[in-house]
Amino acid sequence: MNGVSQAGGVYHRQFYNNQSNDMEAKNNYWGAGMTNATIDPGIYDNEDGKGEVTFYVFRTGPIPELSTVILFSVGLVAIAGYVTLRKRKNA
């Protein structure tokens, strides 16, 4: 049986393929420090005629949300503007 064993014999799965078709779950972020060996047990596939899940290649860091990217960019522009004004003031 695949899955990550929890207390009381319960299995925790990050992905459950309950169909006969193969599936792709590539380019996902599965959590900090995850490897092929730690991701695979958390995927239910290839059991009782169920399809296989392909998860490699996977992300090694979370994908930033758009709001994070925008706020970070605005922060960089503000810092660049401050540095430029500071240089002009001191010149």
PDB file of N, CA and C in Angstrom:
ATOM      1  N   MET A   1       0.856  -1.186   0.000  1.00  0.00           N
ATOM      2  CA  MET A   1       0.000   0.000   0.000  1.00  0.00           C
ATOM      3  C   MET A   1       0.889   1.232   0.000  1.00  0.00           C
ATOM      4  N   ASN A   2       0.598   2.173  -0.891  1.00  0.00           N
ATOM      5  CA  ASN A   2       1.394   3.391  -0.885  1.00  0.00           C
ATOM      6  C   ASN A   2       0.700   4.465  -0.067  1.00  0.00           C
ATOM      7  N   GLY A   3       1.472   5.435   0.360  1.00  0.00           N
ATOM      8  CA  GLY A   3       0.968   6.500   1.216  1.00  0.00           C
ATOM      9  C   GLY A   3       1.924   6.711   2.369  1.00  0.00           C
ATOM     10  N   VAL A   4       1.765   7.798   3.081  1.00  0.00           N
ATOM     11  CA  VAL A   4       2.602   8.108   4.220  1.00  0.00           C
ATOM     12  C   VAL A   4       1.828   7.700   5.465  1.00  0.00           C
ATOM     13  N   SER A   5       2.371   6.743   6.213  1.00  0.00           N
ATOM     14  CA  SER A   5       1.686   6.205   7.382  1.00  0.00           C
ATOM     15  C   SER A   5       1.586   7.250   8.489  1.00  0.00           C
ATOM     16  N   GLN A   6       0.396   7.413   9.023  1.00  0.00           N
ATOM     17  CA  GLN A   6       0.138   8.323  10.130  1.00  0.00           C
ATOM     18  C   GLN A   6      -0.264   7.491  11.345  1.00  0.00           C
ATOM     19  N   ALA A   7      -0.483   8.146  12.448  1.00  0.00           N
ATOM     20  CA  ALA A   7      -0.895   7.458  13.667  1.00  0.00           C
ATOM     21  C   ALA A   7      -2.193   6.692  13.437  1.00  0.00           C
ATOM     22  N   GLY A   8      -2.290   5.541  14.007  1.00  0.00           N
ATOM     23  CA  GLY A   8      -3.501   4.739  13.912  1.00  0.00           C
ATOM     24  C   GLY A   8      -3.648   3.993  12.600  1.00  0.00           C
ATOM     25  N   GLY A   9      -2.566   3.874  11.836  1.00  0.00           N
ATOM     26  CA  GLY A   9      -2.609   3.124  10.587  1.00  0.00           C
ATOM     27  C   GLY A   9      -3.274   3.845   9.430  1.00  0.00           C
ATOM     28  N   VAL A  10      -3.542   5.134   9.594  1.00  0.00           N
ATOM     29  CA  VAL A  10      -4.156   5.930   8.533  1.00  0.00           C
ATOM     30  C   VAL A  10      -3.062   6.409   7.584  1.00  0.00           C
ATOM     31  N   TYR A  11      -3.392   6.477   6.302  1.00  0.00           N
ATOM     32  CA  TYR A  11      -2.421   6.938   5.308  1.00  0.00           C
ATOM     33  C   TYR A  11      -2.808   8.309   4.786  1.00  0.00           C
ATOM     34  N   HIS A  12      -1.825   9.196   4.738  1.00  0.00           N
ATOM     35  CA  HIS A  12      -2.019  10.549   4.205  1.00  0.00           C
ATOM     36  C   HIS A  12      -1.492  10.577   2.777  1.00  0.00           C
ATOM     37  N   ARG A  13      -2.303  11.045   1.856  1.00  0.00           N
ATOM     38  CA  ARG A  13      -1.879  11.136   0.457  1.00  0.00           C
ATOM     39  C   ARG A  13      -1.994  12.571  -0.025  1.00  0.00           C
ATOM     40  N   GLN A  14      -1.018  12.986  -0.839  1.00  0.00           N
ATOM     41  CA  GLN A  14      -1.057  14.318  -1.423  1.00  0.00           C
ATOM     42  C   GLN A  14      -1.756  14.319  -2.781  1.00  0.00           C
ATOM     43  N   PHE A  15      -1.865  13.143  -3.395  1.00  0.00           N
ATOM     44  CA  PHE A  15      -2.523  13.031  -4.699  1.00  0.00           C
ATOM     45  C   PHE A  15      -3.147  11.651  -4.775  1.00  0.00           C
ATOM     46  N   TYR A  16      -4.392  11.577  -5.177  1.00  0.00           N
ATOM     47  CA  TYR A  16      -5.118  10.304  -5.230  1.00  0.00           C
ATOM     48  C   TYR A  16      -5.669  10.108  -6.636  1.00  0.00           C
ATOM     49  N   ASN A  17      -5.113   9.143  -7.367  1.00  0.00           N
ATOM     50  CA  ASN A  17      -5.595   8.839  -8.719  1.00  0.00           C
ATOM     51  C   ASN A  17      -6.513   7.629  -8.637  1.00  0.00           C
ATOM     52  N   ASN A  18      -7.812   7.867  -8.668  1.00  0.00           N
ATOM     53  CA  ASN A  18      -8.790   6.799  -8.533  1.00  0.00           C
ATOM     54  C   ASN A  18      -9.430   6.463  -9.882  1.00  0.00           C
ATOM     55  N   GLN A  19      -8.655   6.593 -10.951  1.00  0.00           N
ATOM     56  CA  GLN A  19      -9.150   6.246 -12.279  1.00  0.00           C
ATOM     57  C   GLN A  19      -8.119   5.373 -12.979  1.00  0.00           C
ATOM     58  N   SER A  20      -8.515   4.751 -14.055  1.00  0.00           N
ATOM     59  CA  SER A  20      -7.602   3.851 -14.762  1.00  0.00           C
ATOM     60  C   SER A  20      -6.629   4.598 -15.673  1.00  0.00           C
ATOM     61  N   ASN A  21      -6.895   5.863 -15.961  1.00  0.00           N
ATOM     62  CA  ASN A  21      -6.014   6.653 -16.830  1.00  0.00           C
ATOM     63  C   ASN A  21      -4.774   7.122 -16.084  1.00  0.00           C
ATOM     64  N   ASP A  22      -3.648   7.170 -16.811  1.00  0.00           N
ATOM     65  CA  ASP A  22      -2.444   7.774 -16.253  1.00  0.00           C
ATOM     66  C   ASP A  22      -2.655   9.280 -16.163  1.00  0.00           C
ATOM     67  N   MET A  23      -1.982   9.910 -15.188  1.00  0.00           N
ATOM     68  CA  MET A  23      -2.114  11.355 -14.995  1.00  0.00           C
ATOM     69  C   MET A  23      -0.743  11.984 -14.848  1.00  0.00           C
ATOM     70  N   GLU A  24      -0.661  13.270 -15.147  1.00  0.00           N
ATOM     71  CA  GLU A  24       0.557  14.037 -14.933  1.00  0.00           C
ATOM     72  C   GLU A  24       0.313  15.074 -13.850  1.00  0.00           C
ATOM     73  N   ALA A  25       1.224  15.133 -12.901  1.00  0.00           N
ATOM     74  CA  ALA A  25       1.185  16.143 -11.843  1.00  0.00           C
ATOM     75  C   ALA A  25       2.554  16.814 -11.785  1.00  0.00           C
ATOM     76  N   LYS A  26       3.043  17.216 -12.952  1.00  0.00           N
ATOM     77  CA  LYS A  26       4.381  17.803 -13.062  1.00  0.00           C
ATOM     78  C   LYS A  26       4.357  19.278 -12.679  1.00  0.00           C
ATOM     79  N   ASN A  27       5.552  19.779 -12.325  1.00  0.00           N
ATOM     80  CA  ASN A  27       5.779  21.192 -12.001  1.00  0.00           C
ATOM     81  C   ASN A  27       4.972  21.669 -10.801  1.00  0.00           C
ATOM     82  N   ASN A  28       4.677  20.770  -9.875  1.00  0.00           N
ATOM     83  CA  ASN A  28       4.006  21.140  -8.637  1.00  0.00           C
ATOM     84  C   ASN A  28       5.031  21.301  -7.528  1.00  0.00           C
ATOM     85  N   TYR A  29       4.705  22.110  -6.547  1.00  0.00           N
ATOM     86  CA  TYR A  29       5.519  22.252  -5.346  1.00  0.00           C
ATOM     87  C   TYR A  29       4.879  21.372  -4.280  1.00  0.00           C
ATOM     88  N   TRP A  30       5.610  20.378  -3.816  1.00  0.00           N
ATOM     89  CA  TRP A  30       5.063  19.382  -2.888  1.00  0.00           C
ATOM     90  C   TRP A  30       5.400  19.688  -1.435  1.00  0.00           C
ATOM     91  N   GLY A  31       6.218  20.707  -1.183  1.00  0.00           N
ATOM     92  CA  GLY A  31       6.596  21.066   0.181  1.00  0.00           C
ATOM     93  C   GLY A  31       8.103  21.165   0.327  1.00  0.00           C
ATOM     94  N   ALA A  32       8.525  21.793   1.412  1.00  0.00           N
ATOM     95  CA  ALA A  32       9.951  22.009   1.656  1.00  0.00           C
ATOM     96  C   ALA A  32      10.687  20.687   1.854  1.00  0.00           C
ATOM     97  N   GLY A  33      11.824  20.555   1.198  1.00  0.00           N
ATOM     98  CA  GLY A  33      12.682  19.392   1.373  1.00  0.00           C
ATOM     99  C   GLY A  33      12.187  18.110   0.731  1.00  0.00           C
ATOM    100  N   MET A  34      11.176  18.185  -0.113  1.00  0.00           N
ATOM    101  CA  MET A  34      10.636  16.969  -0.723  1.00  0.00           C
ATOM    102  C   MET A  34      11.547  16.474  -1.848  1.00  0.00           C
ATOM    103  N   THR A  35      11.643  15.157  -1.976  1.00  0.00           N
ATOM    104  CA  THR A  35      12.440  14.507  -3.014  1.00  0.00           C
ATOM    105  C   THR A  35      11.570  13.447  -3.681  1.00  0.00           C
ATOM    106  N   ASN A  36      12.111  12.799  -4.716  1.00  0.00           N
ATOM    107  CA  ASN A  36      11.370  11.700  -5.354  1.00  0.00           C
ATOM    108  C   ASN A  36      10.949  10.665  -4.319  1.00  0.00           C
ATOM    109  N   ALA A  37      11.867  10.358  -3.401  1.00  0.00           N
ATOM    110  CA  ALA A  37      11.612   9.321  -2.399  1.00  0.00           C
ATOM    111  C   ALA A  37      10.543   9.720  -1.385  1.00  0.00           C
ATOM    112  N   THR A  38      10.360  11.014  -1.149  1.00  0.00           N
ATOM    113  CA  THR A  38       9.349  11.439  -0.178  1.00  0.00           C
ATOM    114  C   THR A  38       8.017  11.798  -0.838  1.00  0.00           C
ATOM    115  N   ILE A  39       8.046  12.162  -2.109  1.00  0.00           N
ATOM    116  CA  ILE A  39       6.804  12.488  -2.818  1.00  0.00           C
ATOM    117  C   ILE A  39       6.059  11.217  -3.214  1.00  0.00           C
ATOM    118  N   ASP A  40       6.771  10.254  -3.771  1.00  0.00           N
ATOM    119  CA  ASP A  40       6.145   9.039  -4.313  1.00  0.00           C
ATOM    120  C   ASP A  40       5.236   8.316  -3.323  1.00  0.00           C
ATOM    121  N   PRO A  41       5.630   8.134  -2.055  1.00  0.00           N
ATOM    122  CA  PRO A  41       4.721   7.438  -1.132  1.00  0.00           C
ATOM    123  C   PRO A  41       3.419   8.185  -0.862  1.00  0.00           C
ATOM    124  N   GLY A  42       3.395   9.498  -1.097  1.00  0.00           N
ATOM    125  CA  GLY A  42       2.191  10.283  -0.857  1.00  0.00           C
ATOM    126  C   GLY A  42       1.234  10.310  -2.037  1.00  0.00           C
ATOM    127  N   ILE A  43       1.540   9.539  -3.081  1.00  0.00           N
ATOM    128  CA  ILE A  43       0.689   9.505  -4.271  1.00  0.00           C
ATOM    129  C   ILE A  43       0.057   8.126  -4.395  1.00  0.00           C
ATOM    130  N   TYR A  44      -1.263   8.089  -4.481  1.00  0.00           N
ATOM    131  CA  TYR A  44      -1.976   6.829  -4.680  1.00  0.00           C
ATOM    132  C   TYR A  44      -2.110   6.605  -6.174  1.00  0.00           C
ATOM    133  N   ASP A  45      -1.359   5.632  -6.677  1.00  0.00           N
ATOM    134  CA  ASP A  45      -1.436   5.270  -8.090  1.00  0.00           C
ATOM    135  C   ASP A  45      -0.955   3.834  -8.255  1.00  0.00           C
ATOM    136  N   ASN A  46      -1.200   3.272  -9.422  1.00  0.00           N
ATOM    137  CA  ASN A  46      -0.773   1.899  -9.731  1.00  0.00           C
ATOM    138  C   ASN A  46      -1.318   0.865  -8.754  1.00  0.00           C
ATOM    139  N   GLU A  47      -2.440   1.124  -8.136  1.00  0.00           N
ATOM    140  CA  GLU A  47      -3.042   0.172  -7.207  1.00  0.00           C
ATOM    141  C   GLU A  47      -4.353  -0.333  -7.804  1.00  0.00           C
ATOM    142  N   ASP A  48      -4.548  -1.605  -7.781  1.00  0.00           N
ATOM    143  CA  ASP A  48      -5.814  -2.208  -8.221  1.00  0.00           C
ATOM    144  C   ASP A  48      -6.259  -1.706  -9.595  1.00  0.00           C
ATOM    145  N   GLY A  49      -5.336  -1.668 -10.548  1.00  0.00           N
ATOM    146  CA  GLY A  49      -5.675  -1.259 -11.905  1.00  0.00           C
ATOM    147  C   GLY A  49      -5.804   0.238 -12.115  1.00  0.00           C
ATOM    148  N   LYS A  50      -5.408   1.023 -11.135  1.00  0.00           N
ATOM    149  CA  LYS A  50      -5.482   2.479 -11.268  1.00  0.00           C
ATOM    150  C   LYS A  50      -4.292   2.974 -12.077  1.00  0.00           C
ATOM    151  N   GLY A  51      -4.448   4.133 -12.724  1.00  0.00           N
ATOM    152  CA  GLY A  51      -3.397   4.700 -13.555  1.00  0.00           C
ATOM    153  C   GLY A  51      -2.227   5.221 -12.746  1.00  0.00           C
ATOM    154  N   GLU A  52      -1.120   5.406 -13.437  1.00  0.00           N
ATOM    155  CA  GLU A  52       0.097   5.904 -12.801  1.00  0.00           C
ATOM    156  C   GLU A  52       0.120   7.429 -12.848  1.00  0.00           C
ATOM    157  N   VAL A  53       0.712   8.040 -11.815  1.00  0.00           N
ATOM    158  CA  VAL A  53       0.864   9.490 -11.749  1.00  0.00           C
ATOM    159  C   VAL A  53       2.335   9.831 -11.955  1.00  0.00           C
ATOM    160  N   THR A  54       2.605  10.656 -12.962  1.00  0.00           N
ATOM    161  CA  THR A  54       3.961  11.136 -13.206  1.00  0.00           C
ATOM    162  C   THR A  54       4.094  12.499 -12.547  1.00  0.00           C
ATOM    163  N   PHE A  55       5.020  12.635 -11.586  1.00  0.00           N
ATOM    164  CA  PHE A  55       5.155  13.891 -10.849  1.00  0.00           C
ATOM    165  C   PHE A  55       6.491  14.580 -11.068  1.00  0.00           C
ATOM    166  N   TYR A  56       7.404  13.940 -11.808  1.00  0.00           N
ATOM    167  CA  TYR A  56       8.713  14.550 -12.030  1.00  0.00           C
ATOM    168  C   TYR A  56       8.697  15.246 -13.373  1.00  0.00           C
ATOM    169  N   VAL A  57       9.086  16.379 -13.471  1.00  0.00           N
ATOM    170  CA  VAL A  57       9.840  17.322 -12.696  1.00  0.00           C
ATOM    171  C   VAL A  57       8.905  18.084 -11.756  1.00  0.00           C
ATOM    172  N   PHE A  58       9.446  18.381 -10.559  1.00  0.00           N
ATOM    173  CA  PHE A  58       8.645  19.107  -9.586  1.00  0.00           C
ATOM    174  C   PHE A  58       9.390  20.361  -9.148  1.00  0.00           C
ATOM    175  N   ARG A  59       8.642  21.308  -8.616  1.00  0.00           N
ATOM    176  CA  ARG A  59       9.219  22.572  -8.150  1.00  0.00           C
ATOM    177  C   ARG A  59       9.905  22.364  -6.811  1.00  0.00           C
ATOM    178  N   THR A  60      10.990  23.101  -6.586  1.00  0.00           N
ATOM    179  CA  THR A  60      11.705  23.008  -5.315  1.00  0.00           C
ATOM    180  C   THR A  60      11.379  24.183  -4.399  1.00  0.00           C
ATOM    181  N   GLY A  61      10.540  25.075  -4.852  1.00  0.00           N
ATOM    182  CA  GLY A  61      10.104  26.203  -4.042  1.00  0.00           C
ATOM    183  C   GLY A  61       8.700  26.590  -4.445  1.00  0.00           C
ATOM    184  N   PRO A  62       7.989  27.262  -3.549  1.00  0.00           N
ATOM    185  CA  PRO A  62       6.626  27.655  -3.884  1.00  0.00           C
ATOM    186  C   PRO A  62       6.604  28.656  -5.032  1.00  0.00           C
ATOM    187  N   ILE A  63       5.554  28.627  -5.794  1.00  0.00           N
ATOM    188  CA  ILE A  63       5.381  29.559  -6.899  1.00  0.00           C
ATOM    189  C   ILE A  63       4.759  30.826  -6.318  1.00  0.00           C
ATOM    190  N   PRO A  64       5.433  31.972  -6.456  1.00  0.00           N
ATOM    191  CA  PRO A  64       4.887  33.193  -5.854  1.00  0.00           C
ATOM    192  C   PRO A  64       3.580  33.611  -6.514  1.00  0.00           C
ATOM    193  N   GLU A  65       2.694  34.133  -5.698  1.00  0.00           N
ATOM    194  CA  GLU A  65       1.426  34.635  -6.220  1.00  0.00           C
ATOM    195  C   GLU A  65       1.653  35.982  -6.897  1.00  0.00           C
ATOM    196  N   LEU A  66       0.772  36.352  -7.791  1.00  0.00           N
ATOM    197  CA  LEU A  66       0.912  37.586  -8.553  1.00  0.00           C
ATOM    198  C   LEU A  66       1.041  38.804  -7.643  1.00  0.00           C
ATOM    199  N   SER A  67       0.267  38.847  -6.568  1.00  0.00           N
ATOM    200  CA  SER A  67       0.336  40.011  -5.676  1.00  0.00           C
ATOM    201  C   SER A  67       1.723  40.141  -5.053  1.00  0.00           C
ATOM    202  N   THR A  68       2.364  39.031  -4.739  1.00  0.00           N
ATOM    203  CA  THR A  68       3.714  39.060  -4.184  1.00  0.00           C
ATOM    204  C   THR A  68       4.697  39.608  -5.203  1.00  0.00           C
ATOM    205  N   VAL A  69       4.592  39.158  -6.431  1.00  0.00           N
ATOM    206  CA  VAL A  69       5.485  39.629  -7.492  1.00  0.00           C
ATOM    207  C   VAL A  69       5.294  41.127  -7.709  1.00  0.00           C
ATOM    208  N   ILE A  70       4.052  41.593  -7.734  1.00  0.00           N
ATOM    209  CA  ILE A  70       3.776  43.017  -7.953  1.00  0.00           C
ATOM    210  C   ILE A  70       4.326  43.855  -6.804  1.00  0.00           C
ATOM    211  N   LEU A  71       4.050  43.457  -5.564  1.00  0.00           N
ATOM    212  CA  LEU A  71       4.539  44.224  -4.416  1.00  0.00           C
ATOM    213  C   LEU A  71       6.060  44.247  -4.361  1.00  0.00           C
ATOM    214  N   PHE A  72       6.700  43.136  -4.687  1.00  0.00           N
ATOM    215  CA  PHE A  72       8.158  43.080  -4.704  1.00  0.00           C
ATOM    216  C   PHE A  72       8.705  44.029  -5.766  1.00  0.00           C
ATOM    217  N   SER A  73       8.095  44.027  -6.941  1.00  0.00           N
ATOM    218  CA  SER A  73       8.533  44.903  -8.033  1.00  0.00           C
ATOM    219  C   SER A  73       8.360  46.373  -7.659  1.00  0.00           C
ATOM    220  N   VAL A  74       7.237  46.718  -7.063  1.00  0.00           N
ATOM    221  CA  VAL A  74       6.998  48.096  -6.631  1.00  0.00           C
ATOM    222  C   VAL A  74       8.034  48.504  -5.591  1.00  0.00           C
ATOM    223  N   GLY A  75       8.363  47.613  -4.691  1.00  0.00           N
ATOM    224  CA  GLY A  75       9.391  47.893  -3.688  1.00  0.00           C
ATOM    225  C   GLY A  75      10.744  48.162  -4.318  1.00  0.00           C
ATOM    226  N   LEU A  76      11.115  47.369  -5.318  1.00  0.00           N
ATOM    227  CA  LEU A  76      12.391  47.587  -6.006  1.00  0.00           C
ATOM    228  C   LEU A  76      12.411  48.927  -6.726  1.00  0.00           C
ATOM    229  N   VAL A  77      11.309  49.280  -7.381  1.00  0.00           N
ATOM    230  CA  VAL A  77      11.227  50.570  -8.079  1.00  0.00           C
ATOM    231  C   VAL A  77      11.335  51.716  -7.077  1.00  0.00           C
ATOM    232  N   ALA A  78      10.680  51.594  -5.932  1.00  0.00           N
ATOM    233  CA  ALA A  78      10.744  52.637  -4.909  1.00  0.00           C
ATOM    234  C   ALA A  78      12.167  52.805  -4.387  1.00  0.00           C
ATOM    235  N   ILE A  79      12.860  51.713  -4.151  1.00  0.00           N
ATOM    236  CA  ILE A  79      14.248  51.786  -3.676  1.00  0.00           C
ATOM    237  C   ILE A  79      15.140  52.428  -4.734  1.00  0.00           C
ATOM    238  N   ALA A  80      14.965  52.029  -5.987  1.00  0.00           N
ATOM    239  CA  ALA A  80      15.765  52.613  -7.075  1.00  0.00           C
ATOM    240  C   ALA A  80      15.507  54.114  -7.179  1.00  0.00           C
ATOM    241  N   GLY A  81      14.255  54.529  -7.047  1.00  0.00           N
ATOM    242  CA  GLY A  81      13.920  55.954  -7.081  1.00  0.00           C
ATOM    243  C   GLY A  81      14.534  56.707  -5.922  1.00  0.00           C
ATOM    244  N   TYR A  82      14.499  56.135  -4.737  1.00  0.00           N
ATOM    245  CA  TYR A  82      15.087  56.759  -3.556  1.00  0.00           C
ATOM    246  C   TYR A  82      16.590  56.940  -3.738  1.00  0.00           C
ATOM    247  N   VAL A  83      17.272  55.910  -4.227  1.00  0.00           N
ATOM    248  CA  VAL A  83      18.723  55.978  -4.435  1.00  0.00           C
ATOM    249  C   VAL A  83      19.057  57.051  -5.464  1.00  0.00           C
ATOM    250  N   THR A  84      18.289  57.120  -6.544  1.00  0.00           N
ATOM    251  CA  THR A  84      18.523  58.123  -7.588  1.00  0.00           C
ATOM    252  C   THR A  84      18.341  59.534  -7.035  1.00  0.00           C
ATOM    253  N   LEU A  85      17.269  59.773  -6.284  1.00  0.00           N
ATOM    254  CA  LEU A  85      17.031  61.093  -5.698  1.00  0.00           C
ATOM    255  C   LEU A  85      18.105  61.452  -4.681  1.00  0.00           C
ATOM    256  N   ARG A  86      18.534  60.498  -3.928  1.00  0.00           N
ATOM    257  CA  ARG A  86      19.573  60.725  -2.912  1.00  0.00           C
ATOM    258  C   ARG A  86      20.886  61.140  -3.574  1.00  0.00           C
ATOM    259  N   LYS A  87      21.225  60.463  -4.682  1.00  0.00           N
ATOM    260  CA  LYS A  87      22.456  60.808  -5.409  1.00  0.00           C
ATOM    261  C   LYS A  87      22.367  62.222  -5.974  1.00  0.00           C
ATOM    262  N   ARG A  88      21.207  62.596  -6.513  1.00  0.00           N
ATOM    263  CA  ARG A  88      21.031  63.946  -7.068  1.00  0.00           C
ATOM    264  C   ARG A  88      21.141  65.009  -5.976  1.00  0.00           C
ATOM    265  N   LYS A  89      20.584  64.704  -4.812  1.00  0.00           N
ATOM    266  CA  LYS A  89      20.605  65.656  -3.700  1.00  0.00           C
ATOM    267  C   LYS A  89      22.030  65.875  -3.209  1.00  0.00           C
ATOM    268  N   ASN A  90      22.834  64.815  -3.178  1.00  0.00           N
ATOM    269  CA  ASN A  90      24.202  64.904  -2.678  1.00  0.00           C
ATOM    270  C   ASN A  90      25.177  65.436  -3.727  1.00  0.00           C
ATOM    271  N   ALA A  91      24.776  65.519  -4.981  1.00  0.00           N
ATOM    272  CA  ALA A  91      25.699  65.967  -6.041  1.00  0.00           C
ATOM    273  C   ALA A  91      25.823  67.462  -6.100  1.00  0.00           C
TER     274      ALA A  91
END
